């Protein structure tokens, strides 16, 4: 008759071997970056200042371009912080 210790010594490695078979994985993980399109208003070209007219007109056009650019940047910051 087989002793209890012999059975334990034989069956324990077989049991552990079956547990190890669950560690192997053949699944493939695919990472995909999904990008939402930005609103069209953010890609509108800023009008360059015109050199015709007075210096005051030119300065006003420069200020308007800066304000538009800063507004777009603020909207981008708000949009990106809302996506997190």
N, C-alpha and C. Protein backbone atom coordinates (compact mmCIF):
# COMPACT_ATOMS: atom_id res chain seq x y z
N UNK A 1 0.83 -1.17 0.00
CA UNK A 1 0.00 0.00 0.00
C UNK A 1 0.89 1.24 0.00
N UNK A 2 0.44 2.29 -0.68
CA UNK A 2 1.21 3.51 -0.81
C UNK A 2 0.96 4.37 0.42
N UNK A 3 2.05 4.90 0.96
CA UNK A 3 1.90 5.70 2.17
C UNK A 3 1.38 7.09 1.83
N UNK A 4 0.87 7.74 2.84
CA UNK A 4 0.30 9.08 2.68
C UNK A 4 1.37 10.09 2.26
N UNK A 5 2.57 9.98 2.78
CA UNK A 5 3.65 10.90 2.44
C UNK A 5 4.06 10.77 0.98
N UNK A 6 4.07 9.56 0.46
CA UNK A 6 4.43 9.36 -0.94
C UNK A 6 3.37 10.00 -1.84
N UNK A 7 2.10 9.83 -1.49
CA UNK A 7 1.03 10.44 -2.28
C UNK A 7 1.15 11.97 -2.27
N UNK A 8 1.44 12.53 -1.12
CA UNK A 8 1.58 13.98 -1.03
C UNK A 8 2.75 14.46 -1.88
N UNK A 9 3.87 13.74 -1.84
CA UNK A 9 5.06 14.14 -2.61
C UNK A 9 4.83 14.01 -4.12
N UNK A 10 3.99 13.11 -4.52
CA UNK A 10 3.73 12.91 -5.96
C UNK A 10 2.63 13.87 -6.44
N UNK A 11 1.58 13.99 -5.66
CA UNK A 11 0.44 14.78 -6.11
C UNK A 11 0.64 16.29 -5.98
N UNK A 12 1.43 16.74 -5.02
CA UNK A 12 1.65 18.17 -4.83
C UNK A 12 2.29 18.82 -6.05
N UNK A 13 3.38 18.27 -6.61
CA UNK A 13 3.93 18.90 -7.83
C UNK A 13 2.96 18.86 -9.01
N UNK A 14 2.17 17.78 -9.12
CA UNK A 14 1.20 17.72 -10.22
C UNK A 14 0.12 18.80 -10.04
N UNK A 15 -0.32 19.01 -8.82
CA UNK A 15 -1.31 20.04 -8.55
C UNK A 15 -0.75 21.43 -8.85
N UNK A 16 0.48 21.67 -8.41
CA UNK A 16 1.12 22.96 -8.67
C UNK A 16 1.34 23.18 -10.16
N UNK A 17 1.64 22.13 -10.88
CA UNK A 17 1.83 22.24 -12.32
C UNK A 17 0.54 22.69 -13.01
N UNK A 18 -0.60 22.20 -12.54
CA UNK A 18 -1.87 22.62 -13.15
C UNK A 18 -2.15 24.09 -12.84
N UNK A 19 -1.72 24.58 -11.69
CA UNK A 19 -1.90 25.99 -11.38
C UNK A 19 -1.04 26.88 -12.28
N UNK A 20 0.15 26.41 -12.61
CA UNK A 20 1.04 27.20 -13.46
C UNK A 20 0.52 27.34 -14.88
N UNK A 21 -0.27 26.40 -15.33
CA UNK A 21 -0.77 26.48 -16.70
C UNK A 21 -1.68 27.69 -16.89
N UNK A 22 -2.28 28.20 -15.83
CA UNK A 22 -3.13 29.38 -15.92
C UNK A 22 -2.33 30.67 -16.06
N UNK A 23 -1.03 30.64 -15.84
CA UNK A 23 -0.21 31.84 -15.92
C UNK A 23 0.13 32.23 -17.35
N UNK A 24 0.13 31.27 -18.23
CA UNK A 24 0.49 31.59 -19.61
C UNK A 24 -0.70 32.24 -20.30
N UNK A 25 -0.40 33.18 -21.17
CA UNK A 25 -1.46 33.89 -21.87
C UNK A 25 -1.07 34.06 -23.33
N UNK A 26 -2.00 33.74 -24.17
CA UNK A 26 -1.74 33.91 -25.60
C UNK A 26 -2.61 35.04 -26.17
N UNK A 27 -3.29 35.77 -25.29
CA UNK A 27 -4.15 36.87 -25.75
C UNK A 27 -3.29 38.04 -26.21
N UNK A 28 -3.73 38.69 -27.26
CA UNK A 28 -3.04 39.85 -27.80
C UNK A 28 -3.78 41.11 -27.37
N UNK A 29 -3.06 42.06 -26.81
CA UNK A 29 -3.64 43.33 -26.38
C UNK A 29 -3.35 44.37 -27.44
N UNK A 30 -4.38 45.02 -27.92
CA UNK A 30 -4.23 46.06 -28.94
C UNK A 30 -4.62 47.39 -28.30
N UNK A 31 -3.70 48.34 -28.33
CA UNK A 31 -3.96 49.67 -27.80
C UNK A 31 -4.26 50.60 -28.96
N UNK A 32 -5.38 51.30 -28.85
CA UNK A 32 -5.80 52.21 -29.91
C UNK A 32 -6.11 53.57 -29.30
N UNK A 33 -5.55 54.61 -29.86
CA UNK A 33 -5.82 55.96 -29.39
C UNK A 33 -6.98 56.53 -30.21
N UNK A 34 -8.00 56.94 -29.50
CA UNK A 34 -9.16 57.52 -30.17
C UNK A 34 -9.13 59.01 -29.93
N UNK A 35 -9.17 59.76 -30.99
CA UNK A 35 -9.10 61.22 -30.89
C UNK A 35 -10.39 61.83 -31.41
N UNK A 36 -10.99 62.64 -30.57
CA UNK A 36 -12.17 63.37 -30.99
C UNK A 36 -11.74 64.60 -31.78
N UNK A 37 -12.46 64.92 -32.83
CA UNK A 37 -12.10 66.12 -33.59
C UNK A 37 -12.36 67.38 -32.77
N UNK A 38 -11.51 68.36 -32.95
CA UNK A 38 -11.70 69.64 -32.26
C UNK A 38 -12.75 70.44 -33.01
N UNK A 39 -13.42 71.34 -32.32
CA UNK A 39 -14.42 72.18 -33.00
C UNK A 39 -13.79 72.99 -34.14
N UNK A 40 -14.56 73.18 -35.19
CA UNK A 40 -14.08 73.91 -36.37
C UNK A 40 -13.67 75.34 -36.05
N UNK A 41 -14.31 75.95 -35.07
CA UNK A 41 -14.00 77.35 -34.76
C UNK A 41 -12.56 77.51 -34.26
N UNK A 42 -11.95 76.45 -33.76
CA UNK A 42 -10.58 76.53 -33.25
C UNK A 42 -9.55 76.48 -34.37
N UNK A 43 -9.97 76.08 -35.56
CA UNK A 43 -9.02 75.96 -36.66
C UNK A 43 -9.17 77.07 -37.70
N UNK A 44 -10.03 78.04 -37.39
CA UNK A 44 -10.21 79.18 -38.31
C UNK A 44 -8.95 80.04 -38.25
N UNK A 45 -8.47 80.44 -39.40
CA UNK A 45 -7.28 81.27 -39.48
C UNK A 45 -7.54 82.65 -38.87
N UNK A 46 -6.58 83.13 -38.10
CA UNK A 46 -6.66 84.49 -37.57
C UNK A 46 -6.25 85.44 -38.70
N UNK A 47 -7.06 86.47 -38.91
CA UNK A 47 -6.76 87.41 -39.97
C UNK A 47 -5.52 88.23 -39.61
N UNK A 48 -4.53 88.26 -40.49
CA UNK A 48 -3.34 89.08 -40.21
C UNK A 48 -3.70 90.55 -40.30
N UNK A 49 -3.06 91.36 -39.49
CA UNK A 49 -3.34 92.81 -39.54
C UNK A 49 -2.99 93.39 -40.91
N UNK A 50 -3.80 94.32 -41.33
CA UNK A 50 -3.58 94.98 -42.62
C UNK A 50 -2.70 96.21 -42.40
N UNK A 51 -1.80 96.43 -43.32
CA UNK A 51 -0.91 97.58 -43.22
C UNK A 51 -1.51 98.84 -43.82
N UNK A 52 -2.74 98.73 -44.30
CA UNK A 52 -3.40 99.93 -44.83
C UNK A 52 -4.16 100.60 -43.69
N UNK A 53 -4.29 101.88 -43.77
CA UNK A 53 -5.00 102.62 -42.73
C UNK A 53 -4.02 103.26 -41.76
N UNK A 54 -4.53 103.64 -40.62
CA UNK A 54 -3.71 104.35 -39.64
C UNK A 54 -3.01 103.36 -38.71
N UNK A 55 -2.08 103.88 -37.95
CA UNK A 55 -1.38 103.06 -36.97
C UNK A 55 -2.38 102.56 -35.92
N UNK A 56 -3.34 103.38 -35.58
CA UNK A 56 -4.37 102.98 -34.61
C UNK A 56 -5.18 101.79 -35.11
N UNK A 57 -5.52 101.81 -36.42
CA UNK A 57 -6.25 100.68 -37.01
C UNK A 57 -5.41 99.41 -36.95
N UNK A 58 -4.12 99.55 -37.25
CA UNK A 58 -3.21 98.40 -37.23
C UNK A 58 -3.11 97.82 -35.82
N UNK A 59 -2.97 98.69 -34.82
CA UNK A 59 -2.88 98.24 -33.44
C UNK A 59 -4.18 97.55 -33.01
N UNK A 60 -5.32 98.09 -33.43
CA UNK A 60 -6.62 97.49 -33.09
C UNK A 60 -6.75 96.10 -33.71
N UNK A 61 -6.26 95.94 -34.96
CA UNK A 61 -6.31 94.64 -35.62
C UNK A 61 -5.39 93.63 -34.91
N UNK A 62 -4.23 94.10 -34.47
CA UNK A 62 -3.31 93.23 -33.72
C UNK A 62 -3.95 92.78 -32.41
N UNK A 63 -4.57 93.70 -31.71
CA UNK A 63 -5.24 93.37 -30.45
C UNK A 63 -6.38 92.37 -30.68
N UNK A 64 -7.14 92.56 -31.75
CA UNK A 64 -8.24 91.65 -32.05
C UNK A 64 -7.72 90.24 -32.34
N UNK A 65 -6.60 90.15 -33.05
CA UNK A 65 -6.02 88.84 -33.35
C UNK A 65 -5.54 88.14 -32.07
N UNK A 66 -4.96 88.91 -31.17
CA UNK A 66 -4.49 88.33 -29.90
C UNK A 66 -5.68 87.87 -29.06
N UNK A 67 -6.73 88.66 -29.01
CA UNK A 67 -7.92 88.30 -28.23
C UNK A 67 -8.53 87.01 -28.79
N UNK A 68 -8.63 86.92 -30.11
CA UNK A 68 -9.20 85.72 -30.73
C UNK A 68 -8.34 84.50 -30.42
N UNK A 69 -7.03 84.64 -30.51
CA UNK A 69 -6.12 83.53 -30.23
C UNK A 69 -6.22 83.10 -28.77
N UNK A 70 -6.26 84.06 -27.85
CA UNK A 70 -6.37 83.72 -26.43
C UNK A 70 -7.72 83.06 -26.12
N UNK A 71 -8.77 83.50 -26.78
CA UNK A 71 -10.09 82.90 -26.59
C UNK A 71 -10.08 81.43 -27.02
N UNK A 72 -9.47 81.17 -28.17
CA UNK A 72 -9.38 79.79 -28.65
C UNK A 72 -8.58 78.93 -27.68
N UNK A 73 -7.49 79.48 -27.16
CA UNK A 73 -6.66 78.73 -26.21
C UNK A 73 -7.44 78.42 -24.93
N UNK A 74 -8.23 79.37 -24.45
CA UNK A 74 -9.04 79.15 -23.25
C UNK A 74 -10.07 78.05 -23.51
N UNK A 75 -10.70 78.07 -24.67
CA UNK A 75 -11.68 77.03 -25.01
C UNK A 75 -11.01 75.66 -25.09
N UNK A 76 -9.81 75.60 -25.61
CA UNK A 76 -9.08 74.32 -25.69
C UNK A 76 -8.77 73.81 -24.29
N UNK A 77 -8.33 74.71 -23.40
CA UNK A 77 -8.05 74.29 -22.01
C UNK A 77 -9.31 73.75 -21.34
N UNK A 78 -10.42 74.42 -21.51
CA UNK A 78 -11.69 73.96 -20.91
C UNK A 78 -12.12 72.62 -21.51
N UNK A 79 -11.97 72.47 -22.80
CA UNK A 79 -12.36 71.23 -23.49
C UNK A 79 -11.51 70.07 -23.02
N UNK A 80 -10.19 70.29 -22.91
CA UNK A 80 -9.31 69.20 -22.52
C UNK A 80 -9.46 68.86 -21.04
N UNK A 81 -9.76 69.82 -20.18
CA UNK A 81 -9.92 69.51 -18.76
C UNK A 81 -11.25 68.78 -18.53
N UNK A 82 -12.23 69.00 -19.37
CA UNK A 82 -13.52 68.31 -19.24
C UNK A 82 -13.46 66.87 -19.70
N UNK A 83 -12.44 66.49 -20.43
CA UNK A 83 -12.32 65.14 -20.97
C UNK A 83 -11.60 64.21 -20.02
N UNK A 84 -11.07 64.68 -18.96
CA UNK A 84 -10.29 63.81 -18.06
C UNK A 84 -11.14 63.08 -17.09
